[in-house]
């Protein structure tokens, strides 16, 4: 398979300064600084091949294009999915780019960028299979434990081995997603997929606090590049606009709420925390003033977010090993800051009045239609 390596793409982001690479990676002799990118090499169409061989796929194409603009030299590093979080925390690489799915447990470590793609989990083969294979250590393993707990799960360390397991009848089904199944599913194999609500992002290590926002700025300035790569690798163009980003950030917040509810229940804490709620709203208002946004609609938006978050906590709980004060709340604070920024960008693009309920579908796992309609009303009236 051949993949396209982008060479010499012009910087299009007027008003967005090109991002500097991590300074500690400057090499002798005047060579460009390095950006260490982690890849798995086993997850088409995002990551195909790994060092020391050639690296290709959607994320490799984006990395090459981005590196050219940012004036850095890519250094590809290989990871196994089960080791990804640990190696990122140990600073084995600066950013992971291999079809990484956003998850709360990942979002508390480092920075997860804007979504570059959205897909859904798929079961290939017999939907009632008693023996199912899935890749170890990723979001699909988490999904399998939650949805296939009554099946015998077979874990593999290489996505590429899954089709052979199914073809040889060693398992009756495999777990993949709407992206990967296009690369190895056979016409005779049954396919069952969930709605495309899982977001693919780039995961920046905690030792590089400036790199994540700079990658986001590049993605915003180069939507045309990203969209064209989507069409080449996914067979379709997916939304990259500011409304999609704003709704994604809201969905990320809601995904934390069942975890918060379980922790509070275990510790005997009330769902309502008036002092923290007041601090969140005041922080959002101050952030809005600093960005030149109207304060009142931002306050109302965050008040509704908090109200709906508590509603989710009351009806949903999910076991969590995360720490509420040290991990979850800092992640929620970051999401709040990013949400204000996303509101500002969507407002500047005059995109909010034309929002529809369909735009809010990513919130459906947590919010019912009436609750989504309340969010829509505030967004459409945002001035």
Protein backbone atom coordinates (compact mmCIF):
# COMPACT_ATOMS: atom_id res chain seq x y z
CA UNK A 1 0.00 0.00 0.00
CA UNK A 2 1.26 3.46 -0.80
CA UNK A 3 0.68 6.47 1.33
CA UNK A 4 1.13 10.15 0.67
CA UNK A 5 3.86 12.11 2.47
CA UNK A 6 3.07 15.81 2.49
CA UNK A 7 5.99 18.07 1.66
CA UNK A 8 6.07 21.84 1.97
CA UNK A 9 2.49 22.79 2.85
CA UNK A 10 2.14 26.53 3.42
CA UNK A 11 1.09 27.94 6.78
CA UNK A 12 -2.49 29.17 6.34
CA UNK A 13 -3.28 30.22 9.88
CA UNK A 14 -3.33 34.01 9.80
CA UNK A 15 -3.40 35.13 13.40
CA UNK A 16 -2.15 31.74 14.65
CA UNK A 17 1.59 31.67 15.18
CA UNK A 18 3.32 28.44 14.12
CA UNK A 19 3.86 26.19 17.10
CA UNK A 20 7.32 25.75 18.49
CA UNK A 21 8.44 22.17 19.09
CA UNK A 22 9.65 20.97 22.49
CA UNK A 23 12.92 22.86 22.98
CA UNK A 24 14.74 19.96 24.64
CA UNK A 25 14.64 18.05 21.35
CA UNK A 26 16.86 20.50 19.46
CA UNK A 27 19.51 18.52 17.62
CA UNK A 28 23.13 19.56 16.96
CA UNK A 29 24.32 21.05 13.71
CA UNK A 30 21.29 23.26 13.14
CA UNK A 31 18.93 20.37 12.30
CA UNK A 32 15.22 20.96 12.96
CA UNK A 33 13.99 20.08 16.46
CA UNK A 34 12.36 16.70 16.84
CA UNK A 35 8.74 15.88 17.50
CA UNK A 36 8.50 12.34 18.86
CA UNK A 37 5.27 10.74 17.64
CA UNK A 38 4.02 7.45 19.05
CA UNK A 39 2.29 5.05 16.65
CA UNK A 40 1.06 1.46 16.87
CA UNK A 41 1.50 0.44 13.23
CA UNK A 42 -1.43 -2.00 13.45
CA UNK A 43 -4.56 0.14 13.17
CA UNK A 44 -5.65 0.91 9.64
CA UNK A 45 -6.53 3.41 8.31
CA UNK A 46 -4.90 5.56 11.01
CA UNK A 47 -1.57 3.80 11.54
CA UNK A 48 -0.08 1.43 8.97
CA UNK A 49 3.49 0.29 9.54
CA UNK A 50 5.92 1.25 12.27
CA UNK A 51 9.61 2.08 12.59
CA UNK A 52 12.15 1.05 11.53
CA UNK A 53 9.99 0.54 8.43
CA UNK A 54 7.84 3.15 6.70
CA UNK A 55 4.87 4.64 8.56
CA UNK A 56 1.64 5.47 6.76
CA UNK A 57 -2.06 6.04 7.28
CA UNK A 58 -4.33 9.00 8.02
CA UNK A 59 -2.51 10.11 11.16
CA UNK A 60 0.89 9.71 9.52
CA UNK A 61 -0.25 11.99 6.69
CA UNK A 62 -1.48 14.60 9.18
CA UNK A 63 1.75 14.35 11.20
CA UNK A 64 3.88 14.88 8.10
CA UNK A 65 1.85 17.89 7.01
CA UNK A 66 1.89 19.40 10.48
CA UNK A 67 5.62 18.84 10.95
CA UNK A 68 6.40 20.67 7.73
CA UNK A 69 4.48 23.73 8.90
CA UNK A 70 5.81 23.67 12.44
CA UNK A 71 9.41 23.32 11.32
CA UNK A 72 10.09 20.07 13.17
CA UNK A 73 11.55 16.72 12.18
CA UNK A 74 9.35 13.73 12.98
CA UNK A 75 10.75 10.86 14.95
CA UNK A 76 8.38 7.89 14.96
CA UNK A 77 8.19 5.75 18.10
CA UNK A 78 6.30 2.45 18.43
CA UNK A 79 3.93 1.57 21.26
CA UNK A 80 1.69 -1.36 22.15
CA UNK A 81 -1.84 -0.40 23.10
CA UNK A 82 -1.57 -1.91 26.56
CA UNK A 83 1.53 0.22 27.25
CA UNK A 84 0.32 3.47 25.69
CA UNK A 85 -0.79 5.37 28.81
CA UNK A 86 2.26 4.34 30.82
CA UNK A 87 4.73 5.24 28.08
CA UNK A 88 3.06 8.59 27.46
CA UNK A 89 3.27 9.36 31.19
CA UNK A 90 6.95 8.32 31.17
CA UNK A 91 7.63 10.77 28.30
CA UNK A 92 8.65 8.08 25.84
CA UNK A 93 7.13 10.28 23.12
CA UNK A 94 5.57 13.74 22.88
CA UNK A 95 2.25 12.87 21.24
CA UNK A 96 0.42 9.67 20.25
CA UNK A 97 -1.13 9.71 16.77
CA UNK A 98 -2.63 6.33 15.92
CA UNK A 99 -6.42 6.55 15.93
CA UNK A 100 -6.59 7.34 19.65
CA UNK A 101 -10.16 7.30 21.03
CA UNK A 102 -11.07 9.94 23.62
CA UNK A 103 -11.90 8.38 26.99
CA UNK A 104 -12.23 9.94 30.47
CA UNK A 105 -9.50 7.70 31.86
CA UNK A 106 -7.14 9.00 29.18
CA UNK A 107 -8.24 12.63 29.36
CA UNK A 108 -6.91 13.02 32.92
CA UNK A 109 -3.38 12.38 31.60
CA UNK A 110 -2.00 15.01 29.28
CA UNK A 111 -4.02 16.82 26.62
CA UNK A 112 -6.41 15.32 24.08
CA UNK A 113 -6.89 17.49 21.01
CA UNK A 114 -9.88 18.38 18.89
CA UNK A 115 -11.50 15.40 17.22
CA UNK A 116 -10.25 14.61 13.72
CA UNK A 117 -12.70 11.75 13.10
CA UNK A 118 -15.79 10.08 14.57
CA UNK A 119 -16.70 6.42 14.34
CA UNK A 120 -18.52 3.63 16.14
CA UNK A 121 -17.64 0.26 17.61
CA UNK A 122 -18.44 -2.72 15.36
CA UNK A 123 -18.90 -6.44 15.90
CA UNK A 124 -17.82 -8.42 12.83
CA UNK A 125 -19.12 -12.00 12.60
CA UNK A 126 -21.86 -13.75 14.52
CA UNK A 127 -23.59 -11.12 16.70
CA UNK A 128 -24.42 -13.89 19.21
CA UNK A 129 -20.90 -15.34 19.22
CA UNK A 130 -19.83 -16.97 22.49
CA UNK A 131 -16.12 -16.44 21.73
CA UNK A 132 -15.05 -12.94 20.62
CA UNK A 133 -11.58 -11.52 19.94
CA UNK A 134 -10.55 -7.92 20.61
CA UNK A 135 -7.35 -5.92 20.69
CA UNK A 136 -5.86 -5.54 24.14
CA UNK A 137 -5.40 -2.23 25.93
CA UNK A 138 -7.51 0.14 23.85
CA UNK A 139 -10.99 1.63 23.88
CA UNK A 140 -12.38 -1.48 22.20
CA UNK A 141 -11.30 -3.65 25.12
CA UNK A 142 -13.11 -1.27 27.49
CA UNK A 143 -16.23 -1.50 25.31
CA UNK A 144 -16.03 -5.29 25.21
CA UNK A 145 -15.87 -5.61 28.99
CA UNK A 146 -18.93 -3.34 29.28
CA UNK A 147 -21.05 -4.88 26.51
CA UNK A 148 -19.84 -8.48 26.14
CA UNK A 149 -19.25 -9.48 29.75
CA UNK A 150 -21.23 -12.69 29.20
CA UNK A 151 -18.95 -13.83 26.34
CA UNK A 152 -15.52 -15.43 26.31
CA UNK A 153 -13.15 -12.64 25.32
CA UNK A 154 -9.90 -13.43 23.53
CA UNK A 155 -7.35 -10.60 23.75
CA UNK A 156 -4.69 -9.99 21.11
CA UNK A 157 -1.75 -7.60 21.00
CA UNK A 158 -1.93 -6.86 17.28
CA UNK A 159 -5.08 -5.63 15.53
CA UNK A 160 -3.87 -7.21 12.31
CA UNK A 161 -4.31 -10.71 13.73
CA UNK A 162 -8.07 -10.32 14.21
CA UNK A 163 -9.22 -11.22 10.66
CA UNK A 164 -7.21 -14.46 10.68
CA UNK A 165 -8.77 -15.48 13.99
CA UNK A 166 -12.23 -15.04 12.52
CA UNK A 167 -11.40 -16.61 9.16
CA UNK A 168 -9.94 -19.69 10.85
CA UNK A 169 -13.00 -20.02 13.14
CA UNK A 170 -10.88 -19.74 16.27
CA UNK A 171 -13.40 -17.08 17.27
CA UNK A 172 -16.91 -16.46 15.97
CA UNK A 173 -16.68 -12.66 16.03
CA UNK A 174 -14.20 -9.82 16.44
CA UNK A 175 -14.54 -6.32 17.87
CA UNK A 176 -13.34 -3.46 15.68
CA UNK A 177 -14.76 -0.11 14.59
CA UNK A 178 -16.33 1.55 11.59
CA UNK A 179 -12.94 2.70 10.29
CA UNK A 180 -10.93 -0.49 10.63
CA UNK A 181 -13.63 -2.89 9.47
CA UNK A 182 -13.45 -1.40 5.97
CA UNK A 183 -9.87 -2.62 5.70
CA UNK A 184 -10.30 -6.28 6.58
CA UNK A 185 -13.97 -7.29 6.63
CA UNK A 186 -15.00 -9.91 4.08
CA UNK A 187 -18.39 -9.64 2.28
CA UNK A 188 -19.70 -12.83 3.93
CA UNK A 189 -19.02 -11.57 7.46
CA UNK A 190 -21.97 -10.00 9.27
CA UNK A 191 -21.49 -6.46 10.56
CA UNK A 192 -23.18 -4.71 13.47
CA UNK A 193 -22.05 -1.17 14.35
CA UNK A 194 -22.98 1.38 16.99
CA UNK A 195 -23.63 5.05 16.09
CA UNK A 196 -20.47 7.03 15.23
CA UNK A 197 -20.02 8.76 18.58
CA UNK A 198 -16.41 7.81 19.42
CA UNK A 199 -13.96 10.65 18.75
CA UNK A 200 -10.44 10.15 17.41
CA UNK A 201 -7.94 12.63 18.81
CA UNK A 202 -4.21 13.18 19.31
CA UNK A 203 -2.92 12.50 22.83
CA UNK A 204 -0.19 14.84 24.06
CA UNK A 205 1.97 13.83 26.99
CA UNK A 206 1.70 15.71 30.32
CA UNK A 207 5.25 17.03 29.99
CA UNK A 208 4.31 19.23 27.00
CA UNK A 209 1.52 21.59 28.14
CA UNK A 210 1.86 23.96 25.17
CA UNK A 211 1.91 21.34 22.44
CA UNK A 212 -1.76 20.29 22.60
CA UNK A 213 -3.24 23.77 22.06
CA UNK A 214 -0.74 24.37 19.26
CA UNK A 215 -1.78 21.18 17.49
CA UNK A 216 -5.38 22.32 17.90
CA UNK A 217 -4.51 25.68 16.33
CA UNK A 218 -2.92 23.88 13.39
CA UNK A 219 -5.98 21.65 12.95
CA UNK A 220 -8.25 24.71 12.91
CA UNK A 221 -6.07 26.52 10.37
CA UNK A 222 -5.75 23.46 8.12
CA UNK A 223 -9.24 22.01 7.99
CA UNK A 224 -8.94 21.67 4.21
CA UNK A 225 -5.87 19.46 4.61
CA UNK A 226 -7.51 17.31 7.27
CA UNK A 227 -10.76 17.01 5.35
CA UNK A 228 -8.96 15.90 2.18
CA UNK A 229 -7.07 13.27 4.20
CA UNK A 230 -10.37 12.05 5.64
CA UNK A 231 -11.75 11.47 2.17
CA UNK A 232 -8.65 9.57 1.08
CA UNK A 233 -8.46 7.30 4.11
CA UNK A 234 -12.08 7.03 5.32
CA UNK A 235 -13.94 7.37 2.03
CA UNK A 236 -15.88 10.35 3.40
CA UNK A 237 -15.44 13.85 4.79
CA UNK A 238 -16.50 14.37 8.39
CA UNK A 239 -17.36 17.57 10.21
CA UNK A 240 -14.51 19.68 11.57
CA UNK A 241 -16.45 22.90 12.24
CA UNK A 242 -16.73 24.87 15.47
CA UNK A 243 -20.21 23.61 16.39
CA UNK A 244 -18.98 20.01 16.14
CA UNK A 245 -16.01 20.89 18.39
CA UNK A 246 -18.25 22.64 20.94
CA UNK A 247 -20.67 19.70 21.13
CA UNK A 248 -17.73 17.32 21.43
CA UNK A 249 -16.45 19.26 24.46
CA UNK A 250 -19.90 19.08 26.06
CA UNK A 251 -19.99 15.33 25.43
CA UNK A 252 -16.58 14.95 27.06
CA UNK A 253 -17.88 16.69 30.18
CA UNK A 254 -20.98 14.52 30.32
CA UNK A 255 -18.88 11.37 29.95
CA UNK A 256 -17.23 12.20 33.29
CA UNK A 257 -20.51 12.54 35.17
CA UNK A 258 -21.28 8.83 35.77
CA UNK A 259 -17.75 8.47 37.17
CA UNK A 260 -18.25 11.48 39.45
CA UNK A 261 -21.59 10.07 40.60
CA UNK A 262 -20.07 6.72 41.57
CA UNK A 263 -17.24 8.34 43.50
CA UNK A 264 -19.62 10.63 45.36
CA UNK A 265 -21.91 7.70 46.17
CA UNK A 266 -19.01 5.61 47.45
CA UNK A 267 -17.77 8.46 49.63
CA UNK A 268 -21.23 9.52 50.83
CA UNK A 269 -20.96 12.95 49.18
CA UNK A 270 -24.00 14.89 47.93
CA UNK A 271 -24.55 15.37 44.21
CA UNK A 272 -24.88 19.13 44.69
CA UNK A 273 -21.77 21.11 45.58
CA UNK A 274 -22.86 24.74 45.75
CA UNK A 275 -19.40 26.21 46.41
CA UNK A 276 -17.77 24.40 43.49
CA UNK A 277 -20.67 25.22 41.17
CA UNK A 278 -20.33 28.91 42.01
CA UNK A 279 -16.57 28.80 41.34
CA UNK A 280 -17.12 27.08 37.99
CA UNK A 281 -19.66 29.68 36.88
CA UNK A 282 -17.55 32.62 38.07
CA UNK A 283 -14.51 31.16 36.36
CA UNK A 284 -16.42 30.80 33.11
CA UNK A 285 -17.70 34.38 33.39
CA UNK A 286 -14.18 35.70 33.98
CA UNK A 287 -12.90 33.67 31.04
CA UNK A 288 -15.69 35.12 28.88
CA UNK A 289 -14.80 38.68 29.86
CA UNK A 290 -11.16 38.01 29.05
CA UNK A 291 -12.15 36.80 25.58
CA UNK A 292 -14.53 39.68 24.92
CA UNK A 293 -17.61 37.44 25.06
CA UNK A 294 -20.94 38.51 26.55
CA UNK A 295 -20.93 37.32 30.15
CA UNK A 296 -24.63 36.64 30.73
CA UNK A 297 -25.18 33.98 28.05
CA UNK A 298 -21.96 32.24 29.11
CA UNK A 299 -23.21 32.17 32.70
CA UNK A 300 -26.54 30.74 31.57
CA UNK A 301 -24.83 28.13 29.44
CA UNK A 302 -22.62 26.93 32.30
CA UNK A 303 -25.55 26.98 34.73
CA UNK A 304 -27.40 24.65 32.36
CA UNK A 305 -24.33 22.46 31.95
CA UNK A 306 -24.13 22.04 35.72
CA UNK A 307 -27.85 21.35 36.04
CA UNK A 308 -27.73 18.67 33.34
CA UNK A 309 -24.52 17.22 34.77
CA UNK A 310 -26.29 16.70 38.10
CA UNK A 311 -29.21 15.08 36.30
CA UNK A 312 -26.81 12.62 34.65
CA UNK A 313 -25.17 11.93 38.03
CA UNK A 314 -28.55 11.12 39.56
CA UNK A 315 -29.44 8.49 36.95
CA UNK A 316 -26.08 7.06 35.86
CA UNK A 317 -23.11 5.62 37.73
CA UNK A 318 -19.96 4.01 36.39
CA UNK A 319 -17.18 2.48 38.46
CA UNK A 320 -14.05 4.59 38.39
CA UNK A 321 -10.50 4.23 39.63
CA UNK A 322 -9.84 7.94 39.06
CA UNK A 323 -9.29 10.47 41.81
CA UNK A 324 -12.02 13.13 41.96
CA UNK A 325 -9.91 16.01 43.26
CA UNK A 326 -6.55 15.23 41.65
CA UNK A 327 -7.65 13.94 38.25
CA UNK A 328 -11.30 14.47 37.33
CA UNK A 329 -11.83 18.03 38.51
CA UNK A 330 -8.65 19.38 36.84
CA UNK A 331 -9.80 17.71 33.61
CA UNK A 332 -13.25 19.30 33.99
CA UNK A 333 -11.64 22.70 34.62
CA UNK A 334 -9.67 22.35 31.40
CA UNK A 335 -12.83 21.38 29.53
CA UNK A 336 -14.58 24.45 30.92
CA UNK A 337 -11.84 26.74 29.63
CA UNK A 338 -11.88 25.07 26.23
CA UNK A 339 -15.68 25.25 26.10
CA UNK A 340 -15.66 29.02 26.54
CA UNK A 341 -13.15 29.26 23.71
CA UNK A 342 -15.29 27.02 21.52
CA UNK A 343 -18.36 29.14 22.25
CA UNK A 344 -16.42 32.22 21.17
CA UNK A 345 -15.22 30.63 17.91
CA UNK A 346 -18.70 29.33 17.06
CA UNK A 347 -20.19 32.76 17.81
CA UNK A 348 -17.58 34.48 15.65
CA UNK A 349 -18.43 32.07 12.82
CA UNK A 350 -22.14 32.96 13.23
CA UNK A 351 -22.83 29.21 13.46
CA UNK A 352 -24.89 29.02 16.66
CA UNK A 353 -28.27 30.36 15.43
CA UNK A 354 -28.43 27.61 12.81
CA UNK A 355 -27.73 24.74 15.23
CA UNK A 356 -30.17 21.83 15.14
CA UNK A 357 -30.98 18.87 17.37
CA UNK A 358 -29.06 16.70 14.92
CA UNK A 359 -25.91 18.64 15.82
CA UNK A 360 -26.39 17.60 19.46
CA UNK A 361 -26.68 13.87 18.75
CA UNK A 362 -23.24 13.18 20.35
CA UNK A 363 -24.87 14.09 23.69
CA UNK A 364 -27.52 11.36 23.37
CA UNK A 365 -25.75 8.76 25.53
CA UNK A 366 -26.29 11.07 28.53
CA UNK A 367 -29.02 13.59 27.71
CA UNK A 368 -32.56 12.85 26.56
CA UNK A 369 -34.18 14.75 23.71
CA UNK A 370 -35.81 17.30 26.01
CA UNK A 371 -32.50 18.08 27.69
CA UNK A 372 -30.75 18.40 24.35
CA UNK A 373 -33.51 20.77 23.25
CA UNK A 374 -32.74 23.02 26.24
CA UNK A 375 -29.08 23.13 25.23
CA UNK A 376 -30.12 23.93 21.67
CA UNK A 377 -32.31 26.83 22.79
CA UNK A 378 -29.41 28.46 24.64
CA UNK A 379 -27.02 27.95 21.74
CA UNK A 380 -29.41 29.40 19.18
CA UNK A 381 -29.96 32.48 21.36
CA UNK A 382 -26.28 33.00 22.19
CA UNK A 383 -25.29 36.56 21.33
